[in-house]
Amino acid sequence: MNLYYLIQEPKIKLAKNPLLLLLHGYGSNEEDLFSFASELPDEYYVISVRAPYDLQPYGHAWYAIHFDADENKFSDNEQAKESVQLIASFIDEIVSKYPIDTTNVNLVGFSQGAILSYATALTFPNKITKVVALSGYFNQEIMPEVIDTKAISHLKFFVSHGSVDQVIPVEWARKAKPALESLGIEVEYHEYPVGHGVAPQNFFDFKNWLQK
C-alpha cells in the first residue's frame, strides 16, 4: 500500500460494505480521527490514513506550510495536489483489497485533511460519494482547472467549523457552501461554538447525516 493506515472492519458484514476514509490534519497522525471509529455506523469499513510527510519532532502532513518573515502562511499547493493523487490511488488499492462498495466511498477530513477532501472529491468524483469536511476550507488553487458539473452532481457535502477557530478563520470556511452550490452540489453547513476541533454535537450531526 502506498500509505500506512488503520482499519476497523464493519460490525455488520454485507456482500460489499461502504467505506469511511479518515484524513487527519497537519501535525497529527492516523490515530487521531480513528479514536472515534467505534462510534461510527456499524456497516462501514473505517480506514484512517497517515499523511505521507513526516514532521519533526513528530506528526505528519499532507503538504508543507511555510511562513515568511511577516508570519504569513503559504501552503505548498503542488505537494497538496500530489497528495490528492496519492489519496485517489490509495482508494483504488483499498477497494481491490477489501470487499468495499465502490459506489459508497466517503471521506471524513479534518483541517488539512478536509481541504484535501474537497479537492479529491472534485478531482475524482467517480471515486467519492459523500464528504464530511471538518474545520477546513475550499482551496480554489488545488481544484481541477475544469470541473465537469455532470460528473460531480451526485456528490454530497457536510461542512462544519468552529465559530471561534483560531487556526482557520470561520470566514474561510463559510465560502465553501456557496462555492460548492455554484457547482450544483448539495451542501449541509454547520457552525459550533468551539475552536479548531470537533464538538460532540458536530460529531453527532455528521454521523446522522451519513445515515440519512
Protein backbone atom coordinates (compact mmCIF):
# COMPACT_ATOMS: atom_id res chain seq x y z
CA MET A 1 0.00 0.00 0.00
CA ASN A 2 1.24 3.50 -0.77
CA LEU A 3 0.08 4.89 2.62
CA TYR A 4 0.10 3.45 6.14
CA TYR A 5 -3.40 3.01 7.63
CA LEU A 6 -5.51 1.65 10.50
CA ILE A 7 -8.67 -0.31 9.75
CA GLN A 8 -11.85 -1.17 11.61
CA GLU A 9 -13.85 -3.88 9.88
CA PRO A 10 -17.63 -3.40 9.64
CA LYS A 11 -19.64 -4.87 12.52
CA ILE A 12 -22.44 -5.68 10.05
CA LYS A 13 -20.97 -7.63 7.12
CA LEU A 14 -22.62 -7.24 3.71
CA ALA A 15 -21.56 -8.61 0.33
CA LYS A 16 -19.97 -5.19 -0.19
CA ASN A 17 -19.67 -2.62 2.59
CA PRO A 18 -19.38 1.16 2.35
CA LEU A 19 -16.13 2.90 3.32
CA LEU A 20 -15.34 5.88 5.54
CA LEU A 21 -11.83 7.12 4.80
CA LEU A 22 -10.46 9.37 7.56
CA LEU A 23 -7.88 12.05 6.67
CA HIS A 24 -6.17 13.75 9.62
CA GLY A 25 -4.89 17.31 9.93
CA TYR A 26 -1.42 18.88 9.80
CA GLY A 27 0.92 17.65 12.53
CA SER A 28 -1.35 14.80 13.56
CA ASN A 29 -1.49 11.10 12.62
CA GLU A 30 -3.81 8.24 11.71
CA GLU A 31 -4.70 7.55 15.37
CA ASP A 32 -6.34 10.94 15.86
CA LEU A 33 -9.62 10.53 13.94
CA PHE A 34 -9.51 6.75 14.40
CA SER A 35 -10.20 7.36 18.11
CA PHE A 36 -13.90 7.79 17.28
CA ALA A 37 -14.09 4.86 14.81
CA SER A 38 -16.02 2.69 17.27
CA GLU A 39 -18.78 5.35 17.40
CA LEU A 40 -19.29 5.37 13.63
CA PRO A 41 -22.11 3.46 11.89
CA ASP A 42 -21.72 -0.35 12.06
CA GLU A 43 -21.93 -1.09 8.36
CA TYR A 44 -18.81 0.88 7.34
CA TYR A 45 -15.23 -0.09 6.84
CA VAL A 46 -13.43 2.69 8.74
CA ILE A 47 -9.92 3.33 7.45
CA SER A 48 -7.69 6.07 8.84
CA VAL A 49 -4.67 7.04 6.74
CA ARG A 50 -1.33 8.52 7.75
CA ALA A 51 -0.24 11.52 5.65
CA PRO A 52 2.98 10.99 3.65
CA TYR A 53 5.24 13.76 5.01
CA ASP A 54 6.98 13.35 8.38
CA LEU A 55 7.27 16.40 10.60
CA GLN A 56 9.82 16.97 13.37
CA PRO A 57 9.72 16.03 16.21
CA TYR A 58 6.52 14.08 15.45
CA GLY A 59 3.33 14.09 13.42
CA HIS A 60 2.63 14.05 9.69
CA ALA A 61 1.38 16.38 6.97
CA TRP A 62 -0.33 16.09 3.59
CA TYR A 63 1.64 19.12 2.37
CA ALA A 64 4.05 21.69 3.73
CA ILE A 65 3.01 25.00 5.23
CA HIS A 66 5.64 27.76 5.03
CA PHE A 67 5.86 31.03 6.95
CA ASP A 68 7.51 34.18 5.61
CA ALA A 69 9.23 36.93 7.62
CA ASP A 70 5.87 38.63 8.32
CA GLU A 71 4.42 35.34 9.59
CA ASN A 72 2.17 34.91 6.57
CA LYS A 73 1.31 31.28 5.87
CA PHE A 74 1.74 29.68 2.46
CA SER A 75 0.52 26.23 1.52
CA ASP A 76 2.62 24.12 -0.83
CA ASN A 77 -0.15 23.67 -3.40
CA GLU A 78 1.94 21.39 -5.64
CA GLN A 79 2.50 19.00 -2.73
CA ALA A 80 -1.22 19.21 -1.93
CA LYS A 81 -2.11 18.21 -5.49
CA GLU A 82 0.33 15.28 -5.28
CA SER A 83 -1.40 14.15 -2.08
CA VAL A 84 -4.78 14.28 -3.86
CA GLN A 85 -3.35 11.85 -6.45
CA LEU A 86 -1.94 9.71 -3.64
CA ILE A 87 -5.34 9.51 -1.87
CA ALA A 88 -7.04 8.56 -5.16
CA SER A 89 -4.57 5.74 -5.82
CA PHE A 90 -4.91 4.60 -2.18
CA ILE A 91 -8.69 4.31 -2.71
CA ASP A 92 -8.05 2.15 -5.79
CA GLU A 93 -5.74 -0.12 -3.79
CA ILE A 94 -8.06 -0.42 -0.79
CA VAL A 95 -11.19 -1.26 -2.81
CA SER A 96 -9.29 -4.03 -4.59
CA LYS A 97 -8.06 -5.43 -1.25
CA TYR A 98 -11.36 -5.42 0.72
CA PRO A 99 -14.99 -6.08 -0.34
CA ILE A 100 -15.87 -2.37 -0.43
CA ASP A 101 -18.86 -0.94 -2.28
CA THR A 102 -17.17 1.36 -4.80
CA THR A 103 -20.42 3.34 -5.16
CA ASN A 104 -20.27 4.25 -1.45
CA VAL A 105 -16.80 5.62 -0.67
CA ASN A 106 -16.88 8.57 1.72
CA LEU A 107 -14.23 10.96 3.00
CA VAL A 108 -14.06 12.43 6.52
CA GLY A 109 -11.32 15.05 6.66
CA PHE A 110 -10.21 17.34 9.47
CA SER A 111 -8.36 20.63 8.79
CA GLN A 112 -5.70 19.85 6.15
CA GLY A 113 -7.50 16.53 5.60
CA ALA A 114 -10.74 18.45 4.93
CA ILE A 115 -9.01 20.77 2.44
CA LEU A 116 -7.79 17.69 0.56
CA SER A 117 -11.20 16.01 0.80
CA TYR A 118 -12.76 18.87 -1.20
CA ALA A 119 -10.06 18.59 -3.85
CA THR A 120 -10.10 14.78 -4.03
CA ALA A 121 -13.89 14.65 -4.48
CA LEU A 122 -13.88 17.29 -7.23
CA THR A 123 -10.82 15.83 -8.99
CA PHE A 124 -12.00 12.20 -8.78
CA PRO A 125 -15.80 12.38 -8.40
CA ASN A 126 -16.16 8.85 -9.83
CA LYS A 127 -14.39 7.51 -6.69
CA ILE A 128 -16.29 9.50 -4.00
CA THR A 129 -19.89 9.61 -2.77
CA LYS A 130 -20.02 11.89 0.29
CA VAL A 131 -17.59 14.24 2.03
CA VAL A 132 -17.50 15.36 5.66
CA ALA A 133 -15.24 18.44 5.77
CA LEU A 134 -14.42 19.40 9.37
CA SER A 135 -12.57 22.65 10.18
CA GLY A 136 -11.12 23.10 6.71
CA TYR A 137 -11.66 25.41 3.74
CA PHE A 138 -12.19 25.25 -0.02
CA ASN A 139 -8.78 25.96 -1.58
CA GLN A 140 -9.53 27.00 -5.16
CA GLU A 141 -5.84 26.73 -6.08
CA ILE A 142 -5.74 22.94 -5.74
CA MET A 143 -9.01 22.27 -7.59
CA PRO A 144 -9.06 20.99 -11.17
CA GLU A 145 -8.97 23.78 -13.77
CA VAL A 146 -12.07 22.38 -15.46
CA ILE A 147 -14.83 20.80 -13.37
CA ASP A 148 -17.41 18.63 -15.12
CA THR A 149 -20.63 19.60 -13.29
CA LYS A 150 -22.41 16.47 -14.58
CA ALA A 151 -19.70 14.18 -13.16
CA ILE A 152 -19.89 15.82 -9.71
CA SER A 153 -23.69 16.16 -9.48
CA HIS A 154 -24.07 13.09 -7.20
CA LEU A 155 -21.64 14.41 -4.55
CA LYS A 156 -22.95 15.49 -1.14
CA PHE A 157 -21.03 17.54 1.42
CA PHE A 158 -21.35 18.05 5.17
CA VAL A 159 -19.26 21.11 6.10
CA SER A 160 -18.68 22.28 9.66
CA HIS A 161 -16.46 24.72 11.52
CA GLY A 162 -15.83 26.16 14.95
CA SER A 163 -17.07 29.75 15.16
CA VAL A 164 -14.00 30.70 17.26
CA ASP A 165 -11.44 28.68 15.28
CA GLN A 166 -8.04 30.32 15.83
CA VAL A 167 -6.22 28.22 13.18
CA ILE A 168 -8.50 28.52 10.12
CA PRO A 169 -10.85 31.55 10.32
CA VAL A 170 -14.54 30.70 10.13
CA GLU A 171 -14.88 33.29 7.31
CA TRP A 172 -12.75 30.99 5.12
CA ALA A 173 -14.97 28.00 5.89
CA ARG A 174 -18.15 29.93 5.05
CA LYS A 175 -17.02 30.31 1.43
CA ALA A 176 -17.25 26.54 0.82
CA LYS A 177 -21.06 26.34 0.72
CA PRO A 178 -21.60 28.98 -2.00
CA ALA A 179 -18.59 27.64 -3.94
CA LEU A 180 -20.00 24.11 -3.96
CA GLU A 181 -23.59 25.20 -4.56
CA SER A 182 -22.48 27.21 -7.59
CA LEU A 183 -21.30 23.85 -9.00
CA GLY A 184 -24.73 22.32 -8.33
CA ILE A 185 -23.63 20.28 -5.30
CA GLU A 186 -25.81 19.62 -2.25
CA VAL A 187 -24.25 21.03 0.95
CA GLU A 188 -25.22 20.99 4.62
CA TYR A 189 -23.30 23.60 6.64
CA HIS A 190 -22.97 23.94 10.43
CA GLU A 191 -21.06 26.09 12.91
CA TYR A 192 -20.35 25.23 16.54
CA PRO A 193 -19.13 27.46 19.41
CA VAL A 194 -15.67 25.85 19.57
CA GLY A 195 -12.12 26.42 18.34
CA HIS A 196 -10.13 24.21 15.97
CA GLY A 197 -11.70 20.89 16.93
CA VAL A 198 -14.77 18.68 16.65
CA ALA A 199 -17.53 19.38 19.17
CA PRO A 200 -19.62 16.39 20.38
CA GLN A 201 -22.71 17.87 18.69
CA ASN A 202 -20.73 18.22 15.45
CA PHE A 203 -19.83 14.51 15.57
CA PHE A 204 -23.45 13.57 16.29
CA ASP A 205 -24.71 15.75 13.41
CA PHE A 206 -22.38 14.36 10.77
CA LYS A 207 -22.99 10.78 11.92
CA ASN A 208 -26.75 11.37 11.48
CA TRP A 209 -26.10 12.96 8.09
CA LEU A 210 -24.15 9.89 6.94
CA GLN A 211 -27.05 7.65 7.88
CA LYS A 212 -29.67 9.68 6.00
